[in-house]
Amino acid sequence: MRDDRIDEASGRTLDQAELRAVELARIRGVDDGSYEEEDFENATRELAGETAPTNSAADEEAHIGLTRDLAEPRSMPGRKTPDMPADDEQEATERLALEGVDAAEREQMLAGQRKKS
């Protein structure tokens, strides 16, 4: 049954409020498509922009878990360390290339000695 009457407080149709009330009931665990008067009132307030949905018990438990345990010591704020200059990329590349050439030369010398033996 569609109800296209406009709610004067929110400017929305009553169908929108009923759909939101069913959603709120579903959030509470009622899955049969019904809702209570409180759900409908919350839905009309939400659609009017008066309030956000209330926090669930699970949200409250999660918030409690985020509070600091007073038995634990406070964390140290730390201190600023001096800035270290970055390596010059060109020099680092040249150094790595030279190391690779040296390693290749050693490998060739070892391979040449193995062939002689």
PDB file of N, CA and C in Angstrom:
ATOM      1  N   MET A   1       0.843  -1.165   0.000  1.00  0.00           N
ATOM      2  CA  MET A   1       0.000   0.000   0.000  1.00  0.00           C
ATOM      3  C   MET A   1       0.898   1.241   0.000  1.00  0.00           C
ATOM      4  N   ARG A   2       0.770   2.049  -1.011  1.00  0.00           N
ATOM      5  CA  ARG A   2       1.600   3.248  -1.151  1.00  0.00           C
ATOM      6  C   ARG A   2       0.858   4.445  -0.573  1.00  0.00           C
ATOM      7  N   ASP A   3       1.549   5.189   0.246  1.00  0.00           N
ATOM      8  CA  ASP A   3       0.961   6.377   0.872  1.00  0.00           C
ATOM      9  C   ASP A   3       1.772   7.579   0.413  1.00  0.00           C
ATOM     10  N   ASP A   4       1.204   8.394  -0.457  1.00  0.00           N
ATOM     11  CA  ASP A   4       1.923   9.534  -1.010  1.00  0.00           C
ATOM     12  C   ASP A   4       1.666  10.828  -0.252  1.00  0.00           C
ATOM     13  N   ARG A   5       1.052  10.728   0.922  1.00  0.00           N
ATOM     14  CA  ARG A   5       0.838  11.941   1.703  1.00  0.00           C
ATOM     15  C   ARG A   5       2.182  12.522   2.117  1.00  0.00           C
ATOM     16  N   ILE A   6       2.248  13.818   2.143  1.00  0.00           N
ATOM     17  CA  ILE A   6       3.492  14.494   2.515  1.00  0.00           C
ATOM     18  C   ILE A   6       3.442  14.821   4.000  1.00  0.00           C
ATOM     19  N   ASP A   7       4.508  14.429   4.699  1.00  0.00           N
ATOM     20  CA  ASP A   7       4.640  14.779   6.110  1.00  0.00           C
ATOM     21  C   ASP A   7       5.090  16.232   6.176  1.00  0.00           C
ATOM     22  N   GLU A   8       4.345  17.063   6.843  1.00  0.00           N
ATOM     23  CA  GLU A   8       4.642  18.495   6.881  1.00  0.00           C
ATOM     24  C   GLU A   8       5.969  18.790   7.566  1.00  0.00           C
ATOM     25  N   ALA A   9       6.338  18.002   8.557  1.00  0.00           N
ATOM     26  CA  ALA A   9       7.575  18.268   9.301  1.00  0.00           C
ATOM     27  C   ALA A   9       8.803  18.012   8.441  1.00  0.00           C
ATOM     28  N   SER A  10       8.788  16.933   7.654  1.00  0.00           N
ATOM     29  CA  SER A  10       9.994  16.568   6.910  1.00  0.00           C
ATOM     30  C   SER A  10       9.914  16.894   5.432  1.00  0.00           C
ATOM     31  N   GLY A  11       8.713  17.029   4.890  1.00  0.00           N
ATOM     32  CA  GLY A  11       8.575  17.244   3.457  1.00  0.00           C
ATOM     33  C   GLY A  11       8.731  15.960   2.667  1.00  0.00           C
ATOM     34  N   ARG A  12       8.827  14.836   3.329  1.00  0.00           N
ATOM     35  CA  ARG A  12       9.001  13.539   2.685  1.00  0.00           C
ATOM     36  C   ARG A  12       7.677  12.795   2.678  1.00  0.00           C
ATOM     37  N   THR A  13       7.582  11.788   1.814  1.00  0.00           N
ATOM     38  CA  THR A  13       6.370  10.984   1.818  1.00  0.00           C
ATOM     39  C   THR A  13       6.403  10.034   2.993  1.00  0.00           C
ATOM     40  N   LEU A  14       5.243   9.610   3.423  1.00  0.00           N
ATOM     41  CA  LEU A  14       5.176   8.685   4.556  1.00  0.00           C
ATOM     42  C   LEU A  14       5.790   7.335   4.192  1.00  0.00           C
ATOM     43  N   ASP A  15       5.784   6.963   2.899  1.00  0.00           N
ATOM     44  CA  ASP A  15       6.423   5.709   2.489  1.00  0.00           C
ATOM     45  C   ASP A  15       7.904   5.707   2.825  1.00  0.00           C
ATOM     46  N   GLN A  16       8.564   6.825   2.621  1.00  0.00           N
ATOM     47  CA  GLN A  16       9.985   6.905   2.931  1.00  0.00           C
ATOM     48  C   GLN A  16      10.220   6.699   4.420  1.00  0.00           C
ATOM     49  N   ALA A  17       9.374   7.282   5.234  1.00  0.00           N
ATOM     50  CA  ALA A  17       9.511   7.124   6.683  1.00  0.00           C
ATOM     51  C   ALA A  17       9.256   5.681   7.085  1.00  0.00           C
ATOM     52  N   GLU A  18       8.260   5.049   6.471  1.00  0.00           N
ATOM     53  CA  GLU A  18       7.982   3.649   6.803  1.00  0.00           C
ATOM     54  C   GLU A  18       9.127   2.739   6.372  1.00  0.00           C
ATOM     55  N   LEU A  19       9.680   2.977   5.191  1.00  0.00           N
ATOM     56  CA  LEU A  19      10.813   2.161   4.741  1.00  0.00           C
ATOM     57  C   LEU A  19      11.993   2.305   5.691  1.00  0.00           C
ATOM     58  N   ARG A  20      12.274   3.534   6.119  1.00  0.00           N
ATOM     59  CA  ARG A  20      13.376   3.745   7.052  1.00  0.00           C
ATOM     60  C   ARG A  20      13.071   3.118   8.400  1.00  0.00           C
ATOM     61  N   ALA A  21      11.807   3.151   8.831  1.00  0.00           N
ATOM     62  CA  ALA A  21      11.427   2.524  10.099  1.00  0.00           C
ATOM     63  C   ALA A  21      11.655   1.020  10.033  1.00  0.00           C
ATOM     64  N   VAL A  22      11.339   0.411   8.897  1.00  0.00           N
ATOM     65  CA  VAL A  22      11.584  -1.030   8.728  1.00  0.00           C
ATOM     66  C   VAL A  22      13.088  -1.300   8.775  1.00  0.00           C
ATOM     67  N   GLU A  23      13.886  -0.418   8.142  1.00  0.00           N
ATOM     68  CA  GLU A  23      15.342  -0.573   8.190  1.00  0.00           C
ATOM     69  C   GLU A  23      15.850  -0.486   9.625  1.00  0.00           C
ATOM     70  N   LEU A  24      15.347   0.479  10.372  1.00  0.00           N
ATOM     71  CA  LEU A  24      15.764   0.618  11.776  1.00  0.00           C
ATOM     72  C   LEU A  24      15.383  -0.607  12.592  1.00  0.00           C
ATOM     73  N   ALA A  25      14.199  -1.158  12.327  1.00  0.00           N
ATOM     74  CA  ALA A  25      13.779  -2.373  13.031  1.00  0.00           C
ATOM     75  C   ALA A  25      14.691  -3.533  12.653  1.00  0.00           C
ATOM     76  N   ARG A  26      15.064  -3.617  11.370  1.00  0.00           N
ATOM     77  CA  ARG A  26      15.956  -4.690  10.910  1.00  0.00           C
ATOM     78  C   ARG A  26      17.313  -4.568  11.596  1.00  0.00           C
ATOM     79  N   ILE A  27      17.784  -3.344  11.790  1.00  0.00           N
ATOM     80  CA  ILE A  27      19.050  -3.129  12.493  1.00  0.00           C
ATOM     81  C   ILE A  27      18.951  -3.650  13.924  1.00  0.00           C
ATOM     82  N   ARG A  28      17.777  -3.493  14.534  1.00  0.00           N
ATOM     83  CA  ARG A  28      17.562  -3.989  15.900  1.00  0.00           C
ATOM     84  C   ARG A  28      17.382  -5.503  15.931  1.00  0.00           C
ATOM     85  N   GLY A  29      17.235  -6.147  14.771  1.00  0.00           N
ATOM     86  CA  GLY A  29      17.100  -7.598  14.734  1.00  0.00           C
ATOM     87  C   GLY A  29      15.720  -8.096  14.391  1.00  0.00           C
ATOM     88  N   VAL A  30      14.789  -7.216  14.052  1.00  0.00           N
ATOM     89  CA  VAL A  30      13.433  -7.618  13.681  1.00  0.00           C
ATOM     90  C   VAL A  30      13.409  -7.749  12.160  1.00  0.00           C
ATOM     91  N   ASP A  31      13.292  -9.008  11.667  1.00  0.00           N
ATOM     92  CA  ASP A  31      13.397  -9.248  10.229  1.00  0.00           C
ATOM     93  C   ASP A  31      12.066  -9.544   9.549  1.00  0.00           C
ATOM     94  N   ASP A  32      10.959  -9.355  10.231  1.00  0.00           N
ATOM     95  CA  ASP A  32       9.672  -9.723   9.628  1.00  0.00           C
ATOM     96  C   ASP A  32       9.000  -8.572   8.888  1.00  0.00           C
ATOM     97  N   GLY A  33       9.690  -7.450   8.725  1.00  0.00           N
ATOM     98  CA  GLY A  33       9.132  -6.317   7.992  1.00  0.00           C
ATOM     99  C   GLY A  33       8.289  -5.390   8.842  1.00  0.00           C
ATOM    100  N   SER A  34       8.171  -5.675  10.121  1.00  0.00           N
ATOM    101  CA  SER A  34       7.386  -4.809  10.994  1.00  0.00           C
ATOM    102  C   SER A  34       8.314  -3.812  11.689  1.00  0.00           C
ATOM    103  N   TYR A  35       7.720  -2.817  12.306  1.00  0.00           N
ATOM    104  CA  TYR A  35       8.488  -1.823  13.044  1.00  0.00           C
ATOM    105  C   TYR A  35       7.631  -1.307  14.188  1.00  0.00           C
ATOM    106  N   GLU A  36       8.304  -0.716  15.160  1.00  0.00           N
ATOM    107  CA  GLU A  36       7.596  -0.150  16.303  1.00  0.00           C
ATOM    108  C   GLU A  36       7.429   1.353  16.109  1.00  0.00           C
ATOM    109  N   GLU A  37       6.592   1.947  16.913  1.00  0.00           N
ATOM    110  CA  GLU A  37       6.326   3.386  16.823  1.00  0.00           C
ATOM    111  C   GLU A  37       7.610   4.185  17.013  1.00  0.00           C
ATOM    112  N   GLU A  38       8.487   3.717  17.894  1.00  0.00           N
ATOM    113  CA  GLU A  38       9.764   4.403  18.131  1.00  0.00           C
ATOM    114  C   GLU A  38      10.615   4.418  16.855  1.00  0.00           C
ATOM    115  N   ASP A  39      10.601   3.284  16.098  1.00  0.00           N
ATOM    116  CA  ASP A  39      11.337   3.233  14.841  1.00  0.00           C
ATOM    117  C   ASP A  39      10.795   4.268  13.860  1.00  0.00           C
ATOM    118  N   PHE A  40       9.464   4.368  13.790  1.00  0.00           N
ATOM    119  CA  PHE A  40       8.845   5.320  12.878  1.00  0.00           C
ATOM    120  C   PHE A  40       9.172   6.750  13.270  1.00  0.00           C
ATOM    121  N   GLU A  41       9.135   7.038  14.575  1.00  0.00           N
ATOM    122  CA  GLU A  41       9.467   8.386  15.035  1.00  0.00           C
ATOM    123  C   GLU A  41      10.923   8.732  14.731  1.00  0.00           C
ATOM    124  N   ASN A  42      11.832   7.765  14.965  1.00  0.00           N
ATOM    125  CA  ASN A  42      13.240   8.001  14.648  1.00  0.00           C
ATOM    126  C   ASN A  42      13.441   8.220  13.149  1.00  0.00           C
ATOM    127  N   ALA A  43      12.704   7.438  12.356  1.00  0.00           N
ATOM    128  CA  ALA A  43      12.818   7.566  10.900  1.00  0.00           C
ATOM    129  C   ALA A  43      12.345   8.932  10.428  1.00  0.00           C
ATOM    130  N   THR A  44      11.230   9.406  10.948  1.00  0.00           N
ATOM    131  CA  THR A  44      10.736  10.720  10.517  1.00  0.00           C
ATOM    132  C   THR A  44      11.678  11.831  10.962  1.00  0.00           C
ATOM    133  N   ARG A  45      12.276  11.682  12.150  1.00  0.00           N
ATOM    134  CA  ARG A  45      13.255  12.684  12.603  1.00  0.00           C
ATOM    135  C   ARG A  45      14.494  12.668  11.711  1.00  0.00           C
ATOM    136  N   GLU A  46      14.963  11.474  11.356  1.00  0.00           N
ATOM    137  CA  GLU A  46      16.132  11.369  10.479  1.00  0.00           C
ATOM    138  C   GLU A  46      15.859  12.001   9.123  1.00  0.00           C
ATOM    139  N   LEU A  47      14.696  11.685   8.557  1.00  0.00           N
ATOM    140  CA  LEU A  47      14.368  12.218   7.237  1.00  0.00           C
ATOM    141  C   LEU A  47      14.180  13.723   7.272  1.00  0.00           C
ATOM    142  N   ALA A  48      13.793  14.238   8.409  1.00  0.00           N
ATOM    143  CA  ALA A  48      13.645  15.686   8.553  1.00  0.00           C
ATOM    144  C   ALA A  48      14.996  16.347   8.823  1.00  0.00           C
ATOM    145  N   GLY A  49      16.023  15.522   9.070  1.00  0.00           N
ATOM    146  CA  GLY A  49      17.349  16.054   9.330  1.00  0.00           C
ATOM    147  C   GLY A  49      17.565  16.493  10.755  1.00  0.00           C
ATOM    148  N   GLU A  50      16.687  16.062  11.646  1.00  0.00           N
ATOM    149  CA  GLU A  50      16.792  16.496  13.036  1.00  0.00           C
ATOM    150  C   GLU A  50      17.841  15.718  13.814  1.00  0.00           C
ATOM    151  N   THR A  51      18.056  14.472  13.483  1.00  0.00           N
ATOM    152  CA  THR A  51      18.964  13.652  14.271  1.00  0.00           C
ATOM    153  C   THR A  51      19.554  12.543  13.430  1.00  0.00           C
ATOM    154  N   ALA A  52      20.704  12.083  13.837  1.00  0.00           N
ATOM    155  CA  ALA A  52      21.324  10.919  13.216  1.00  0.00           C
ATOM    156  C   ALA A  52      20.860   9.685  13.972  1.00  0.00           C
ATOM    157  N   PRO A  53      21.038   8.497  13.391  1.00  0.00           N
ATOM    158  CA  PRO A  53      20.635   7.297  14.109  1.00  0.00           C
ATOM    159  C   PRO A  53      21.411   7.152  15.412  1.00  0.00           C
ATOM    160  N   THR A  54      20.760   6.588  16.409  1.00  0.00           N
ATOM    161  CA  THR A  54      21.424   6.406  17.695  1.00  0.00           C
ATOM    162  C   THR A  54      22.453   5.302  17.599  1.00  0.00           C
ATOM    163  N   ASN A  55      23.462   5.362  18.463  1.00  0.00           N
ATOM    164  CA  ASN A  55      24.493   4.335  18.487  1.00  0.00           C
ATOM    165  C   ASN A  55      23.930   3.048  19.056  1.00  0.00           C
ATOM    166  N   SER A  56      24.396   1.954  18.504  1.00  0.00           N
ATOM    167  CA  SER A  56      23.965   0.662  19.010  1.00  0.00           C
ATOM    168  C   SER A  56      24.846   0.268  20.197  1.00  0.00           C
ATOM    169  N   ALA A  57      24.470  -0.797  20.861  1.00  0.00           N
ATOM    170  CA  ALA A  57      25.260  -1.282  21.997  1.00  0.00           C
ATOM    171  C   ALA A  57      26.648  -1.714  21.542  1.00  0.00           C
ATOM    172  N   ALA A  58      26.733  -2.272  20.328  1.00  0.00           N
ATOM    173  CA  ALA A  58      28.033  -2.692  19.800  1.00  0.00           C
ATOM    174  C   ALA A  58      28.950  -1.489  19.603  1.00  0.00           C
ATOM    175  N   ASP A  59      28.374  -0.358  19.153  1.00  0.00           N
ATOM    176  CA  ASP A  59      29.177   0.847  18.995  1.00  0.00           C
ATOM    177  C   ASP A  59      29.697   1.335  20.345  1.00  0.00           C
ATOM    178  N   GLU A  60      28.862   1.266  21.351  1.00  0.00           N
ATOM    179  CA  GLU A  60      29.277   1.701  22.678  1.00  0.00           C
ATOM    180  C   GLU A  60      30.409   0.815  23.212  1.00  0.00           C
ATOM    181  N   GLU A  61      30.300  -0.516  22.993  1.00  0.00           N
ATOM    182  CA  GLU A  61      31.360  -1.426  23.449  1.00  0.00           C
ATOM    183  C   GLU A  61      32.657  -1.135  22.723  1.00  0.00           C
ATOM    184  N   ALA A  62      32.576  -0.845  21.433  1.00  0.00           N
ATOM    185  CA  ALA A  62      33.779  -0.541  20.658  1.00  0.00           C
ATOM    186  C   ALA A  62      34.430   0.737  21.181  1.00  0.00           C
ATOM    187  N   HIS A  63      33.623   1.721  21.534  1.00  0.00           N
ATOM    188  CA  HIS A  63      34.160   2.970  22.054  1.00  0.00           C
ATOM    189  C   HIS A  63      34.869   2.739  23.387  1.00  0.00           C
ATOM    190  N   ILE A  64      34.303   1.886  24.219  1.00  0.00           N
ATOM    191  CA  ILE A  64      34.913   1.595  25.514  1.00  0.00           C
ATOM    192  C   ILE A  64      36.281   0.956  25.312  1.00  0.00           C
ATOM    193  N   GLY A  65      36.407   0.117  24.287  1.00  0.00           N
ATOM    194  CA  GLY A  65      37.684  -0.531  23.999  1.00  0.00           C
ATOM    195  C   GLY A  65      38.750   0.437  23.536  1.00  0.00           C
ATOM    196  N   LEU A  66      38.370   1.606  23.074  1.00  0.00           N
ATOM    197  CA  LEU A  66      39.334   2.568  22.574  1.00  0.00           C
ATOM    198  C   LEU A  66      39.869   3.503  23.651  1.00  0.00           C
ATOM    199  N   THR A  67      39.283   3.484  24.828  1.00  0.00           N
ATOM    200  CA  THR A  67      39.761   4.374  25.875  1.00  0.00           C
ATOM    201  C   THR A  67      41.052   3.825  26.462  1.00  0.00           C
ATOM    202  N   ARG A  68      41.874   4.712  26.985  1.00  0.00           N
ATOM    203  CA  ARG A  68      43.178   4.328  27.521  1.00  0.00           C
ATOM    204  C   ARG A  68      43.014   3.653  28.866  1.00  0.00           C
ATOM    205  N   ASP A  69      43.740   2.554  29.060  1.00  0.00           N
ATOM    206  CA  ASP A  69      43.760   1.865  30.341  1.00  0.00           C
ATOM    207  C   ASP A  69      44.663   2.654  31.279  1.00  0.00           C
ATOM    208  N   LEU A  70      44.128   3.103  32.398  1.00  0.00           N
ATOM    209  CA  LEU A  70      44.901   3.935  33.319  1.00  0.00           C
ATOM    210  C   LEU A  70      46.046   3.184  33.972  1.00  0.00           C
ATOM    211  N   ALA A  71      46.020   1.844  33.945  1.00  0.00           N
ATOM    212  CA  ALA A  71      47.107   1.065  34.513  1.00  0.00           C
ATOM    213  C   ALA A  71      48.341   1.086  33.614  1.00  0.00           C
ATOM    214  N   GLU A  72      48.155   1.406  32.335  1.00  0.00           N
ATOM    215  CA  GLU A  72      49.283   1.458  31.411  1.00  0.00           C
ATOM    216  C   GLU A  72      49.931   2.834  31.482  1.00  0.00           C
ATOM    217  N   PRO A  73      51.255   2.866  31.379  1.00  0.00           N
ATOM    218  CA  PRO A  73      51.923   4.175  31.416  1.00  0.00           C
ATOM    219  C   PRO A  73      51.626   4.969  30.144  1.00  0.00           C
ATOM    220  N   ARG A  74      51.691   6.280  30.278  1.00  0.00           N
ATOM    221  CA  ARG A  74      51.484   7.122  29.103  1.00  0.00           C
ATOM    222  C   ARG A  74      52.636   6.924  28.131  1.00  0.00           C
ATOM    223  N   SER A  75      52.340   7.041  26.877  1.00  0.00           N
ATOM    224  CA  SER A  75      53.396   6.879  25.880  1.00  0.00           C
ATOM    225  C   SER A  75      54.285   8.118  25.873  1.00  0.00           C
ATOM    226  N   MET A  76      55.520   7.920  25.496  1.00  0.00           N
ATOM    227  CA  MET A  76      56.466   9.023  25.431  1.00  0.00           C
ATOM    228  C   MET A  76      56.236   9.768  24.116  1.00  0.00           C
ATOM    229  N   PRO A  77      56.198  11.094  24.159  1.00  0.00           N
ATOM    230  CA  PRO A  77      55.946  11.844  22.930  1.00  0.00           C
ATOM    231  C   PRO A  77      57.097  11.758  21.937  1.00  0.00           C
ATOM    232  N   GLY A  78      58.293  11.373  22.393  1.00  0.00           N
ATOM    233  CA  GLY A  78      59.433  11.250  21.493  1.00  0.00           C
ATOM    234  C   GLY A  78      60.140  12.582  21.284  1.00  0.00           C
ATOM    235  N   ARG A  79      61.120  12.549  20.421  1.00  0.00           N
ATOM    236  CA  ARG A  79      61.862  13.767  20.111  1.00  0.00           C
ATOM    237  C   ARG A  79      62.233  13.738  18.643  1.00  0.00           C
ATOM    238  N   LYS A  80      62.517  14.885  18.108  1.00  0.00           N
ATOM    239  CA  LYS A  80      62.847  14.997  16.698  1.00  0.00           C
ATOM    240  C   LYS A  80      64.284  14.544  16.485  1.00  0.00           C
ATOM    241  N   THR A  81      64.485  13.711  15.503  1.00  0.00           N
ATOM    242  CA  THR A  81      65.836  13.275  15.155  1.00  0.00           C
ATOM    243  C   THR A  81      66.366  14.174  14.043  1.00  0.00           C
ATOM    244  N   PRO A  82      67.671  14.312  13.967  1.00  0.00           N
ATOM    245  CA  PRO A  82      68.228  15.174  12.912  1.00  0.00           C
ATOM    246  C   PRO A  82      67.969  14.570  11.532  1.00  0.00           C
ATOM    247  N   ASP A  83      67.786  15.447  10.566  1.00  0.00           N
ATOM    248  CA  ASP A  83      67.572  14.995   9.193  1.00  0.00           C
ATOM    249  C   ASP A  83      68.868  14.440   8.640  1.00  0.00           C
ATOM    250  N   MET A  84      68.793  13.320   7.969  1.00  0.00           N
ATOM    251  CA  MET A  84      69.957  12.697   7.348  1.00  0.00           C
ATOM    252  C   MET A  84      69.869  12.942   5.846  1.00  0.00           C
ATOM    253  N   PRO A  85      70.940  13.436   5.255  1.00  0.00           N
ATOM    254  CA  PRO A  85      70.884  13.674   3.809  1.00  0.00           C
ATOM    255  C   PRO A  85      70.785  12.343   3.063  1.00  0.00           C
ATOM    256  N   ALA A  86      70.045  12.352   1.991  1.00  0.00           N
ATOM    257  CA  ALA A  86      69.885  11.140   1.189  1.00  0.00           C
ATOM    258  C   ALA A  86      71.141  10.908   0.367  1.00  0.00           C
ATOM    259  N   ASP A  87      71.404   9.631   0.061  1.00  0.00           N
ATOM    260  CA  ASP A  87      72.534   9.312  -0.802  1.00  0.00           C
ATOM    261  C   ASP A  87      72.292   9.901  -2.184  1.00  0.00           C
ATOM    262  N   ASP A  88      73.387  10.304  -2.817  1.00  0.00           N
ATOM    263  CA  ASP A  88      73.289  10.789  -4.182  1.00  0.00           C
ATOM    264  C   ASP A  88      72.997   9.580  -5.072  1.00  0.00           C
ATOM    265  N   GLU A  89      71.896   9.622  -5.783  1.00  0.00           N
ATOM    266  CA  GLU A  89      71.483   8.471  -6.588  1.00  0.00           C
ATOM    267  C   GLU A  89      72.506   8.149  -7.671  1.00  0.00           C
ATOM    268  N   GLN A  90      73.092   9.158  -8.264  1.00  0.00           N
ATOM    269  CA  GLN A  90      74.079   8.916  -9.325  1.00  0.00           C
ATOM    270  C   GLN A  90      75.287   8.175  -8.751  1.00  0.00           C
ATOM    271  N   GLU A  91      75.784   8.648  -7.598  1.00  0.00           N
ATOM    272  CA  GLU A  91      76.939   7.993  -6.974  1.00  0.00           C
ATOM    273  C   GLU A  91      76.598   6.572  -6.551  1.00  0.00           C
ATOM    274  N   ALA A  92      75.404   6.369  -6.005  1.00  0.00           N
ATOM    275  CA  ALA A  92      75.001   5.032  -5.583  1.00  0.00           C
ATOM    276  C   ALA A  92      74.924   4.092  -6.776  1.00  0.00           C
ATOM    277  N   THR A  93      74.417   4.562  -7.896  1.00  0.00           N
ATOM    278  CA  THR A  93      74.316   3.731  -9.094  1.00  0.00           C
ATOM    279  C   THR A  93      75.700   3.374  -9.618  1.00  0.00           C
ATOM    280  N   GLU A  94      76.600   4.355  -9.645  1.00  0.00           N
ATOM    281  CA  GLU A  94      77.965   4.096 -10.110  1.00  0.00           C
ATOM    282  C   GLU A  94      78.670   3.090  -9.201  1.00  0.00           C
ATOM    283  N   ARG A  95      78.479   3.252  -7.877  1.00  0.00           N
ATOM    284  CA  ARG A  95      79.116   2.339  -6.921  1.00  0.00           C
ATOM    285  C   ARG A  95      78.603   0.916  -7.126  1.00  0.00           C
ATOM    286  N   LEU A  96      77.291   0.756  -7.299  1.00  0.00           N
ATOM    287  CA  LEU A  96      76.729  -0.569  -7.511  1.00  0.00           C
ATOM    288  C   LEU A  96      77.201  -1.179  -8.827  1.00  0.00           C
ATOM    289  N   ALA A  97      77.332  -0.359  -9.863  1.00  0.00           N
ATOM    290  CA  ALA A  97      77.820  -0.864 -11.154  1.00  0.00           C
ATOM    291  C   ALA A  97      79.258  -1.353 -11.024  1.00  0.00           C
ATOM    292  N   LEU A  98      80.093  -0.574 -10.326  1.00  0.00           N
ATOM    293  CA  LEU A  98      81.483  -0.985 -10.134  1.00  0.00           C
ATOM    294  C   LEU A  98      81.585  -2.265  -9.306  1.00  0.00           C
ATOM    295  N   GLU A  99      80.754  -2.388  -8.292  1.00  0.00           N
ATOM    296  CA  GLU A  99      80.745  -3.616  -7.498  1.00  0.00           C
ATOM    297  C   GLU A  99      80.343  -4.809  -8.355  1.00  0.00           C
ATOM    298  N   GLY A 100      79.385  -4.601  -9.240  1.00  0.00           N
ATOM    299  CA  GLY A 100      78.961  -5.682 -10.141  1.00  0.00           C
ATOM    300  C   GLY A 100      80.059  -6.083 -11.103  1.00  0.00           C
ATOM    301  N   VAL A 101      80.809  -5.101 -11.623  1.00  0.00           N
ATOM    302  CA  VAL A 101      81.910  -5.387 -12.540  1.00  0.00           C
ATOM    303  C   VAL A 101      83.002  -6.158 -11.800  1.00  0.00           C
ATOM    304  N   ASP A 102      83.327  -5.718 -10.581  1.00  0.00           N
ATOM    305  CA  ASP A 102      84.339  -6.421  -9.782  1.00  0.00           C
ATOM    306  C   ASP A 102      83.930  -7.868  -9.523  1.00  0.00           C
ATOM    307  N   ALA A 103      82.677  -8.084  -9.189  1.00  0.00           N
ATOM    308  CA  ALA A 103      82.195  -9.440  -8.924  1.00  0.00           C
ATOM    309  C   ALA A 103      82.266 -10.285 -10.191  1.00  0.00           C
ATOM    310  N   ALA A 104      81.938  -9.703 -11.332  1.00  0.00           N
ATOM    311  CA  ALA A 104      81.991 -10.445 -12.597  1.00  0.00           C
ATOM    312  C   ALA A 104      83.428 -10.814 -12.953  1.00  0.00           C
ATOM    313  N   GLU A 105      84.366  -9.886 -12.720  1.00  0.00           N
ATOM    314  CA  GLU A 105      85.780 -10.172 -12.990  1.00  0.00           C
ATOM    315  C   GLU A 105      86.274 -11.322 -12.124  1.00  0.00           C
ATOM    316  N   ARG A 106      85.904 -11.335 -10.838  1.00  0.00           N
ATOM    317  CA  ARG A 106      86.309 -12.428  -9.940  1.00  0.00           C
ATOM    318  C   ARG A 106      85.750 -13.750 -10.428  1.00  0.00           C
ATOM    319  N   GLU A 107      84.490 -13.736 -10.833  1.00  0.00           N
ATOM    320  CA  GLU A 107      83.864 -14.965 -11.325  1.00  0.00           C
ATOM    321  C   GLU A 107      84.578 -15.468 -12.570  1.00  0.00           C
ATOM    322  N   GLN A 108      84.966 -14.554 -13.475  1.00  0.00           N
ATOM    323  CA  GLN A 108      85.668 -14.966 -14.696  1.00  0.00           C
ATOM    324  C   GLN A 108      87.034 -15.544 -14.365  1.00  0.00           C
ATOM    325  N   MET A 109      87.745 -14.922 -13.417  1.00  0.00           N
ATOM    326  CA  MET A 109      89.055 -15.434 -13.030  1.00  0.00           C
ATOM    327  C   MET A 109      88.937 -16.812 -12.414  1.00  0.00           C
ATOM    328  N   LEU A 110      87.934 -17.012 -11.536  1.00  0.00           N
ATOM    329  CA  LEU A 110      87.741 -18.319 -10.920  1.00  0.00           C
ATOM    330  C   LEU A 110      87.366 -19.361 -11.976  1.00  0.00           C
ATOM    331  N   ALA A 111      86.535 -18.985 -12.923  1.00  0.00           N
ATOM    332  CA  ALA A 111      86.118 -19.909 -13.974  1.00  0.00           C
ATOM    333  C   ALA A 111      87.319 -20.277 -14.837  1.00  0.00           C
ATOM    334  N   GLY A 112      88.197 -19.291 -15.119  1.00  0.00           N
ATOM    335  CA  GLY A 112      89.391 -19.569 -15.923  1.00  0.00           C
ATOM    336  C   GLY A 112      90.353 -20.493 -15.200  1.00  0.00           C
ATOM    337  N   GLN A 113      90.497 -20.366 -13.870  1.00  0.00           N
ATOM    338  CA  GLN A 113      91.362 -21.236 -13.106  1.00  0.00           C
ATOM    339  C   GLN A 113      90.801 -22.646 -13.049  1.00  0.00           C
ATOM    340  N   ARG A 114      89.476 -22.797 -13.007  1.00  0.00           N
ATOM    341  CA  ARG A 114      88.863 -24.119 -12.981  1.00  0.00           C
ATOM    342  C   ARG A 114      89.099 -24.848 -14.298  1.00  0.00           C
ATOM    343  N   LYS A 115      89.084 -24.129 -15.423  1.00  0.00           N
ATOM    344  CA  LYS A 115      89.290 -24.746 -16.706  1.00  0.00           C
ATOM    345  C   LYS A 115      90.731 -25.225 -16.847  1.00  0.00           C
ATOM    346  N   LYS A 116      91.695 -24.487 -16.268  1.00  0.00           N
ATOM    347  CA  LYS A 116      93.100 -24.842 -16.340  1.00  0.00           C
ATOM    348  C   LYS A 116      93.390 -26.091 -15.515  1.00  0.00           C
ATOM    349  N   SER A 117      92.634 -26.303 -14.460  1.00  0.00           N
ATOM    350  CA  SER A 117      92.944 -27.426 -13.573  1.00  0.00           C
ATOM    351  C   SER A 117      92.398 -28.715 -14.067  1.00  0.00           C
TER     352      SER A 117
END
